[in-house]
């Protein structure tokens, strides 16, 4: 007779339950793993869609860049697109100071500044960066991404931090074309996670390369336009600019209720200088007056050689008292100047300056404002003759 014992009924049930629990647990783990894989796949698909959408947005931006007729318009389009399509609310282009000085871009800005697209922007589309500062931050022309930008770099945006969002993160992309340094594309956001060091930068670097090439082409066009509007002797703008800019500034002053001043300048007793010392000496004096004007104006003031020994200065957003200070300063500096014709001979010269300011003078057109300044100049010259 067998002596084997039959396992208790409860023991069999426990073993089966253990096996069932194990299988159930493994199945659950597989389901969880499948769910994780599904979620990962969906994330990859979402990322791919986002990359594709971003790529398309960059294509639209690049198309607008290529269509921009001027450098200022290009910068404005970049600023608008980055804010609207890439949630980058703080962006502009900082040109190297030497590039900006030679480009004539400031004149472009003046011609376009009454456009609705360029008015009211919280920060300028184009700013400047010095060569010294560029070498300090971009010695190897390398892109910089930072969540704590230096104050010097923040100042490139030229906006009031008190009235604008605090910068949480930023990216600065050097602009190079054919080994020539043009400037920096500045991008910033209040979001500290918008630009994170170590993240891929292919898209913005590609944008920087294309921007640089287009900017270089626009610079050549701007320089040509500047040459056409520049007096070759004094390096001031020529009379053509007065005809172009004064109506624009007059319209802007009326629209925004800002003052606008116009100074007319004439050399005193210039004919005797030419008669006694020759036209070469006269040219030296004209150059000296041009330099005085150029060196004592703000960036958006316009110095013009009107013709012969006459000069004009357009002073936007300048009231009569401020304009009078400019006129008095130039008159004083001219009176202290002396031109050396030869080692033994030096020539002194003086200028007269008349001004008109609207709305102090009730001009209804740019021409009336110019006539008023001309009459003021004539009155001053007549008073000097009387004295």
Protein backbone atom coordinates (compact mmCIF):
# COMPACT_ATOMS: atom_id res chain seq x y z
CA UNK A 1 0.00 0.00 0.00
CA UNK A 2 1.29 3.53 -1.01
CA UNK A 3 2.12 5.88 1.82
CA UNK A 4 2.22 9.14 -0.40
CA UNK A 5 0.16 11.96 0.98
CA UNK A 6 -2.20 14.00 -1.18
CA UNK A 7 -1.44 17.75 -0.83
CA UNK A 8 -4.14 19.61 0.96
CA UNK A 9 -6.73 21.29 -1.20
CA UNK A 10 -5.74 24.78 -0.01
CA UNK A 11 -2.11 24.23 -1.05
CA UNK A 12 -3.15 23.49 -4.66
CA UNK A 13 -5.28 26.60 -4.77
CA UNK A 14 -2.43 28.74 -3.40
CA UNK A 15 -0.02 27.41 -6.04
CA UNK A 16 -2.46 28.11 -8.86
CA UNK A 17 -3.13 31.60 -7.48
CA UNK A 18 0.58 32.31 -7.33
CA UNK A 19 1.01 31.24 -10.94
CA UNK A 20 -1.98 33.35 -11.95
CA UNK A 21 -0.68 36.36 -10.03
CA UNK A 22 2.70 36.01 -11.68
CA UNK A 23 1.21 35.79 -15.16
CA UNK A 24 -1.11 38.72 -14.42
CA UNK A 25 1.78 40.80 -13.11
CA UNK A 26 3.91 40.00 -16.16
CA UNK A 27 1.01 40.88 -18.46
CA UNK A 28 0.47 44.12 -16.59
CA UNK A 29 4.13 44.97 -16.90
CA UNK A 30 3.94 44.25 -20.63
CA UNK A 31 0.87 46.49 -20.94
CA UNK A 32 2.64 49.24 -19.03
CA UNK A 33 5.72 48.83 -21.18
CA UNK A 34 3.60 48.91 -24.33
CA UNK A 35 1.90 52.07 -23.06
CA UNK A 36 5.28 53.65 -22.39
CA UNK A 37 6.49 52.71 -25.86
CA UNK A 38 3.28 54.07 -27.38
CA UNK A 39 3.70 57.33 -25.47
CA UNK A 40 7.32 57.55 -26.52
CA UNK A 41 6.34 56.98 -30.13
CA UNK A 42 3.65 59.66 -29.88
CA UNK A 43 6.21 62.03 -28.37
CA UNK A 44 8.61 61.35 -31.23
CA UNK A 45 5.81 61.88 -33.74
CA UNK A 46 4.80 65.12 -32.02
CA UNK A 47 8.41 66.27 -31.99
CA UNK A 48 8.74 65.41 -35.68
CA UNK A 49 5.58 67.38 -36.46
CA UNK A 50 6.84 70.31 -34.42
CA UNK A 51 10.22 70.19 -36.18
CA UNK A 52 8.46 70.11 -39.55
CA UNK A 53 6.24 73.04 -38.56
CA UNK A 54 9.28 74.93 -37.30
CA UNK A 55 11.10 74.17 -40.53
CA UNK A 56 8.16 75.56 -42.50
CA UNK A 57 8.09 78.69 -40.33
CA UNK A 58 11.80 79.19 -40.94
CA UNK A 59 11.19 78.84 -44.67
CA UNK A 60 8.56 81.58 -44.50
CA UNK A 61 10.94 83.80 -42.53
CA UNK A 62 13.77 83.19 -44.99
CA UNK A 63 11.45 84.04 -47.89
CA UNK A 64 10.55 87.36 -46.26
CA UNK A 65 14.23 88.07 -45.66
CA UNK A 66 15.04 87.48 -49.32
CA UNK A 67 12.21 89.78 -50.41
CA UNK A 68 13.19 92.67 -48.11
CA UNK A 69 14.13 95.71 -50.20
CA UNK A 70 16.20 97.45 -47.53
CA UNK A 71 18.26 96.42 -44.54
CA UNK A 72 15.92 98.21 -42.16
CA UNK A 73 12.90 96.43 -43.65
CA UNK A 74 14.75 93.10 -43.36
CA UNK A 75 15.43 93.70 -39.65
CA UNK A 76 11.82 94.67 -39.02
CA UNK A 77 10.55 91.49 -40.73
CA UNK A 78 12.93 89.33 -38.70
CA UNK A 79 11.73 90.98 -35.51
CA UNK A 80 8.04 90.56 -36.36
CA UNK A 81 8.32 86.92 -37.50
CA UNK A 82 10.35 85.81 -34.50
CA UNK A 83 7.78 87.33 -32.15
CA UNK A 84 4.71 85.98 -33.97
CA UNK A 85 5.88 82.53 -35.13
CA UNK A 86 8.62 81.52 -32.69
CA UNK A 87 7.48 83.19 -29.43
CA UNK A 88 10.70 85.19 -29.28
CA UNK A 89 9.41 88.63 -28.25
CA UNK A 90 12.80 90.31 -27.92
CA UNK A 91 14.93 90.26 -31.05
CA UNK A 92 16.98 92.53 -33.27
CA UNK A 93 20.20 92.79 -35.25
CA UNK A 94 23.26 94.60 -33.90
CA UNK A 95 25.56 95.79 -36.69
CA UNK A 96 29.24 96.38 -36.04
CA UNK A 97 29.69 100.13 -35.50
CA UNK A 98 32.05 100.45 -38.46
CA UNK A 99 29.60 98.56 -40.68
CA UNK A 100 26.71 100.75 -39.55
CA UNK A 101 28.70 103.94 -40.02
CA UNK A 102 29.63 103.04 -43.60
CA UNK A 103 26.25 101.59 -44.58
CA UNK A 104 23.98 104.62 -44.63
CA UNK A 105 21.40 102.56 -42.74
CA UNK A 106 20.43 105.48 -40.50
CA UNK A 107 19.19 107.32 -43.56
CA UNK A 108 17.09 104.28 -44.54
CA UNK A 109 15.53 104.28 -41.09
CA UNK A 110 14.63 107.96 -41.40
CA UNK A 111 12.98 107.38 -44.78
CA UNK A 112 10.94 104.45 -43.41
CA UNK A 113 10.17 105.65 -39.90
CA UNK A 114 6.69 106.97 -40.72
CA UNK A 115 5.63 103.55 -41.99
CA UNK A 116 2.96 101.92 -39.76
CA UNK A 117 5.06 98.72 -39.72
CA UNK A 118 8.05 100.47 -38.16
CA UNK A 119 6.31 102.84 -35.75
CA UNK A 120 5.56 101.84 -32.20
CA UNK A 121 7.98 98.94 -31.95
CA UNK A 122 9.03 98.26 -28.33
CA UNK A 123 12.67 98.08 -29.38
CA UNK A 124 14.65 99.08 -32.46
CA UNK A 125 15.07 96.47 -35.19
CA UNK A 126 18.69 97.57 -35.76
CA UNK A 127 21.22 98.45 -33.07
CA UNK A 128 25.02 98.61 -32.88
CA UNK A 129 27.86 96.68 -31.27
CA UNK A 130 31.39 98.00 -30.96
CA UNK A 131 34.35 96.07 -32.34
CA UNK A 132 35.83 95.90 -28.83
CA UNK A 133 32.69 94.38 -27.36
CA UNK A 134 32.37 91.90 -30.23
CA UNK A 135 35.93 90.68 -29.72
CA UNK A 136 35.30 90.34 -25.99
CA UNK A 137 32.19 88.14 -26.26
CA UNK A 138 32.70 86.45 -29.65
CA UNK A 139 36.47 86.05 -30.14
CA UNK A 140 35.96 82.87 -32.16
CA UNK A 141 32.68 83.97 -33.77
CA UNK A 142 30.91 81.28 -31.75
CA UNK A 143 27.18 81.32 -30.98
CA UNK A 144 26.38 82.12 -27.35
CA UNK A 145 23.36 80.76 -25.46
CA UNK A 146 22.91 81.88 -21.88
CA UNK A 147 20.29 82.02 -19.15
CA UNK A 148 22.14 84.85 -17.46
CA UNK A 149 23.25 87.30 -20.19
CA UNK A 150 25.75 89.96 -19.23
CA UNK A 151 24.36 93.48 -18.89
CA UNK A 152 26.48 94.61 -21.86
CA UNK A 153 24.70 92.08 -24.05
CA UNK A 154 21.27 93.04 -22.72
CA UNK A 155 22.02 96.63 -23.69
CA UNK A 156 22.36 95.52 -27.33
CA UNK A 157 18.55 95.34 -27.43
CA UNK A 158 18.31 99.06 -26.54
CA UNK A 159 15.09 98.78 -24.59
CA UNK A 160 14.01 100.00 -21.19
CA UNK A 161 14.12 97.06 -18.78
CA UNK A 162 11.74 98.91 -16.44
CA UNK A 163 8.93 98.85 -18.99
CA UNK A 164 9.79 95.60 -20.78
CA UNK A 165 9.92 91.97 -19.54
CA UNK A 166 13.10 90.89 -17.79
CA UNK A 167 15.28 88.69 -19.99
CA UNK A 168 15.28 85.11 -18.72
CA UNK A 169 17.40 83.53 -21.46
CA UNK A 170 19.06 84.68 -24.67
CA UNK A 171 20.93 83.57 -27.77
CA UNK A 172 23.47 85.66 -29.69
CA UNK A 173 24.42 84.49 -33.19
CA UNK A 174 27.42 86.15 -34.92
CA UNK A 175 26.68 87.13 -38.52
CA UNK A 176 29.51 86.29 -40.92
CA UNK A 177 29.55 86.51 -44.70
CA UNK A 178 32.61 85.59 -46.77
CA UNK A 179 34.78 85.82 -43.63
CA UNK A 180 33.51 89.37 -43.03
CA UNK A 181 32.01 90.11 -39.63
CA UNK A 182 28.75 92.03 -39.99
CA UNK A 183 27.21 91.93 -36.53
CA UNK A 184 25.11 89.78 -34.21
CA UNK A 185 21.55 88.44 -34.30
CA UNK A 186 20.16 88.95 -30.79
CA UNK A 187 17.33 86.76 -29.48
CA UNK A 188 15.85 86.80 -25.98
CA UNK A 189 12.81 85.73 -23.98
CA UNK A 190 11.44 86.25 -20.48
CA UNK A 191 11.23 82.44 -20.29
CA UNK A 192 14.46 81.09 -18.72
CA UNK A 193 13.85 77.76 -20.51
CA UNK A 194 13.48 79.24 -23.99
CA UNK A 195 17.21 79.13 -24.72
CA UNK A 196 19.09 76.40 -22.86
CA UNK A 197 22.85 75.87 -23.24
CA UNK A 198 23.62 72.51 -24.86
CA UNK A 199 20.41 72.25 -26.89
CA UNK A 200 20.55 71.92 -30.72
CA UNK A 201 21.18 75.22 -32.51
CA UNK A 202 21.14 74.13 -36.16
CA UNK A 203 18.04 76.18 -37.02
CA UNK A 204 19.21 79.53 -35.63
CA UNK A 205 22.73 79.04 -36.99
CA UNK A 206 21.28 78.39 -40.45
CA UNK A 207 19.15 81.52 -40.09
CA UNK A 208 22.26 83.48 -39.09
CA UNK A 209 24.19 82.34 -42.17
CA UNK A 210 21.39 83.29 -44.55
CA UNK A 211 20.81 86.58 -42.76
CA UNK A 212 24.47 87.49 -43.09
CA UNK A 213 24.50 86.93 -46.85
CA UNK A 214 21.33 88.95 -47.42
CA UNK A 215 22.52 91.74 -45.10
CA UNK A 216 25.80 92.02 -47.00
CA UNK A 217 23.90 92.49 -50.27
CA UNK A 218 21.67 95.10 -48.65
CA UNK A 219 24.71 96.91 -47.28
CA UNK A 220 26.12 97.32 -50.77
CA UNK A 221 22.82 98.80 -51.96
CA UNK A 222 22.60 101.12 -48.95
CA UNK A 223 26.17 102.32 -49.50
CA UNK A 224 25.40 103.11 -53.13
CA UNK A 225 22.30 105.07 -52.13
CA UNK A 226 24.36 106.97 -49.56
CA UNK A 227 26.91 107.94 -52.20
CA UNK A 228 24.14 109.33 -54.40
CA UNK A 229 22.91 111.47 -51.48
CA UNK A 230 26.28 112.65 -50.14
CA UNK A 231 28.11 115.88 -50.89
CA UNK A 232 31.62 114.77 -51.92
CA UNK A 233 33.37 117.82 -50.43
CA UNK A 234 31.86 118.05 -46.93
CA UNK A 235 30.64 114.41 -46.59
CA UNK A 236 27.28 115.79 -45.42
CA UNK A 237 24.06 114.86 -47.19
CA UNK A 238 23.20 116.86 -50.30
CA UNK A 239 20.12 118.94 -51.10
CA UNK A 240 18.28 115.89 -52.44
CA UNK A 241 18.04 114.59 -48.90
CA UNK A 242 16.42 117.81 -47.69
CA UNK A 243 13.68 117.37 -50.29
CA UNK A 244 13.20 113.72 -49.25
CA UNK A 245 13.47 113.90 -45.47
CA UNK A 246 11.97 117.22 -44.44
CA UNK A 247 8.42 116.36 -45.64
CA UNK A 248 8.67 112.99 -43.84
CA UNK A 249 9.80 114.56 -40.58
CA UNK A 250 7.19 117.30 -40.88
CA UNK A 251 4.42 114.71 -41.33
CA UNK A 252 5.72 112.66 -38.39
CA UNK A 253 5.93 115.75 -36.14
CA UNK A 254 2.32 116.61 -36.93
CA UNK A 255 1.08 113.05 -36.49
CA UNK A 256 2.63 112.55 -33.07
CA UNK A 257 2.58 116.18 -31.92
CA UNK A 258 6.37 116.31 -31.64
CA UNK A 259 8.47 119.44 -32.18
CA UNK A 260 10.60 119.75 -35.31
CA UNK A 261 13.36 122.30 -35.78
CA UNK A 262 15.21 123.42 -38.89
CA UNK A 263 18.46 125.40 -38.84
CA UNK A 264 19.75 127.27 -41.89
CA UNK A 265 23.46 128.19 -41.82
CA UNK A 266 25.44 130.54 -44.03
CA UNK A 267 29.13 131.48 -43.98
CA UNK A 268 29.84 135.17 -43.32
CA UNK A 269 31.90 136.98 -45.97
CA UNK A 270 32.75 133.82 -47.83
CA UNK A 271 33.28 135.47 -51.23
CA UNK A 272 36.25 137.60 -50.08
CA UNK A 273 37.93 134.43 -48.79
CA UNK A 274 37.68 132.84 -52.22
CA UNK A 275 38.83 136.05 -53.89
CA UNK A 276 41.81 136.61 -51.59
CA UNK A 277 42.99 133.07 -50.88
CA UNK A 278 41.61 130.99 -53.74
CA UNK A 279 38.94 128.34 -54.04
CA UNK A 280 41.14 125.69 -52.45
CA UNK A 281 41.09 127.69 -49.22
CA UNK A 282 37.33 128.14 -49.60
CA UNK A 283 36.95 124.39 -49.95
CA UNK A 284 38.94 123.86 -46.75
CA UNK A 285 36.56 126.13 -44.87
CA UNK A 286 33.51 124.35 -46.28
CA UNK A 287 35.02 121.05 -45.17
CA UNK A 288 35.66 122.48 -41.71
CA UNK A 289 32.04 123.63 -41.39
CA UNK A 290 30.86 120.21 -42.58
CA UNK A 291 33.01 118.53 -39.92
CA UNK A 292 31.67 120.87 -37.21
CA UNK A 293 28.10 119.99 -38.13
CA UNK A 294 28.76 116.26 -38.48
CA UNK A 295 30.59 116.00 -35.15
CA UNK A 296 27.97 117.84 -33.11
CA UNK A 297 24.72 116.15 -34.13
CA UNK A 298 22.82 113.18 -32.75
CA UNK A 299 22.43 109.96 -34.74
CA UNK A 300 19.05 110.89 -36.23
CA UNK A 301 19.78 114.57 -36.87
CA UNK A 302 20.46 115.35 -40.53
CA UNK A 303 23.26 117.67 -41.63
CA UNK A 304 22.99 118.89 -45.24
CA UNK A 305 25.06 121.02 -47.56
CA UNK A 306 22.27 123.00 -49.15
CA UNK A 307 24.48 124.54 -51.81
CA UNK A 308 27.50 126.85 -52.10
CA UNK A 309 28.28 128.05 -48.58
CA UNK A 310 24.81 127.28 -47.20
CA UNK A 311 24.01 124.40 -44.86
CA UNK A 312 20.83 122.98 -43.32
CA UNK A 313 20.24 120.89 -40.22
CA UNK A 314 17.04 118.93 -39.57
CA UNK A 315 16.47 118.30 -35.86
CA UNK A 316 13.58 115.86 -35.18
CA UNK A 317 11.96 115.89 -31.71
CA UNK A 318 13.79 119.14 -30.89
CA UNK A 319 12.08 122.24 -29.52
CA UNK A 320 13.17 125.81 -30.17
CA UNK A 321 15.26 126.15 -27.01
CA UNK A 322 17.19 122.95 -27.76
CA UNK A 323 17.68 123.95 -31.40
CA UNK A 324 18.93 127.37 -30.36
CA UNK A 325 21.55 125.70 -28.18
CA UNK A 326 22.74 123.70 -31.19
CA UNK A 327 22.86 126.84 -33.37
CA UNK A 328 24.73 128.81 -30.69
CA UNK A 329 27.23 126.01 -30.14
CA UNK A 330 28.03 125.69 -33.84
CA UNK A 331 28.35 129.48 -34.19
CA UNK A 332 30.74 129.62 -31.24
CA UNK A 333 32.86 126.70 -32.47
CA UNK A 334 33.10 128.20 -35.94
CA UNK A 335 34.24 131.55 -34.50
CA UNK A 336 37.10 129.79 -32.69
CA UNK A 337 38.21 127.81 -35.74
CA UNK A 338 41.10 128.67 -38.03
CA UNK A 339 42.16 127.10 -41.31
CA UNK A 340 45.84 126.95 -42.29
CA UNK A 341 46.25 127.89 -45.94
CA UNK A 342 50.02 127.58 -45.65
CA UNK A 343 52.55 127.57 -42.77
CA UNK A 344 52.42 131.37 -42.60
CA UNK A 345 48.71 131.99 -43.16
CA UNK A 346 45.66 131.01 -41.14
CA UNK A 347 42.10 132.01 -41.98
CA UNK A 348 39.35 132.55 -39.45
CA UNK A 349 35.69 132.28 -40.43
CA UNK A 350 32.27 132.85 -38.94
CA UNK A 351 28.79 131.55 -39.62
CA UNK A 352 25.25 132.82 -39.16
CA UNK A 353 22.42 130.49 -38.17
CA UNK A 354 18.68 131.04 -38.34
CA UNK A 355 16.10 128.56 -37.12
CA UNK A 356 12.41 127.79 -37.19
CA UNK A 357 10.50 125.33 -35.03
CA UNK A 358 7.05 123.90 -35.39
CA UNK A 359 4.59 124.06 -33.79
CA UNK A 360 5.98 127.39 -32.47
CA UNK A 361 5.87 128.61 -36.05
CA UNK A 362 2.45 127.70 -37.48
CA UNK A 363 3.72 126.04 -40.65
CA UNK A 364 1.26 124.01 -42.68
CA UNK A 365 3.95 122.43 -44.86
CA UNK A 366 7.63 121.55 -44.85
CA UNK A 367 8.21 124.30 -47.42
CA UNK A 368 6.77 126.93 -45.06
CA UNK A 369 9.04 125.75 -42.24
CA UNK A 370 12.04 126.01 -44.55
CA UNK A 371 11.03 129.52 -45.65
CA UNK A 372 10.70 130.59 -42.01
CA UNK A 373 14.21 129.32 -41.17
CA UNK A 374 15.57 131.04 -44.27
CA UNK A 375 13.97 134.34 -43.25
CA UNK A 376 15.39 133.99 -39.74
CA UNK A 377 18.87 133.48 -41.24
CA UNK A 378 18.43 136.52 -43.51
CA UNK A 379 17.38 138.66 -40.54
CA UNK A 380 20.48 137.66 -38.57
CA UNK A 381 22.81 138.42 -41.47
CA UNK A 382 21.15 141.82 -41.98
CA UNK A 383 21.55 142.64 -38.29
CA UNK A 384 25.26 141.82 -38.52
CA UNK A 385 25.62 144.15 -41.50
CA UNK A 386 23.88 146.92 -39.56
CA UNK A 387 26.22 146.44 -36.61
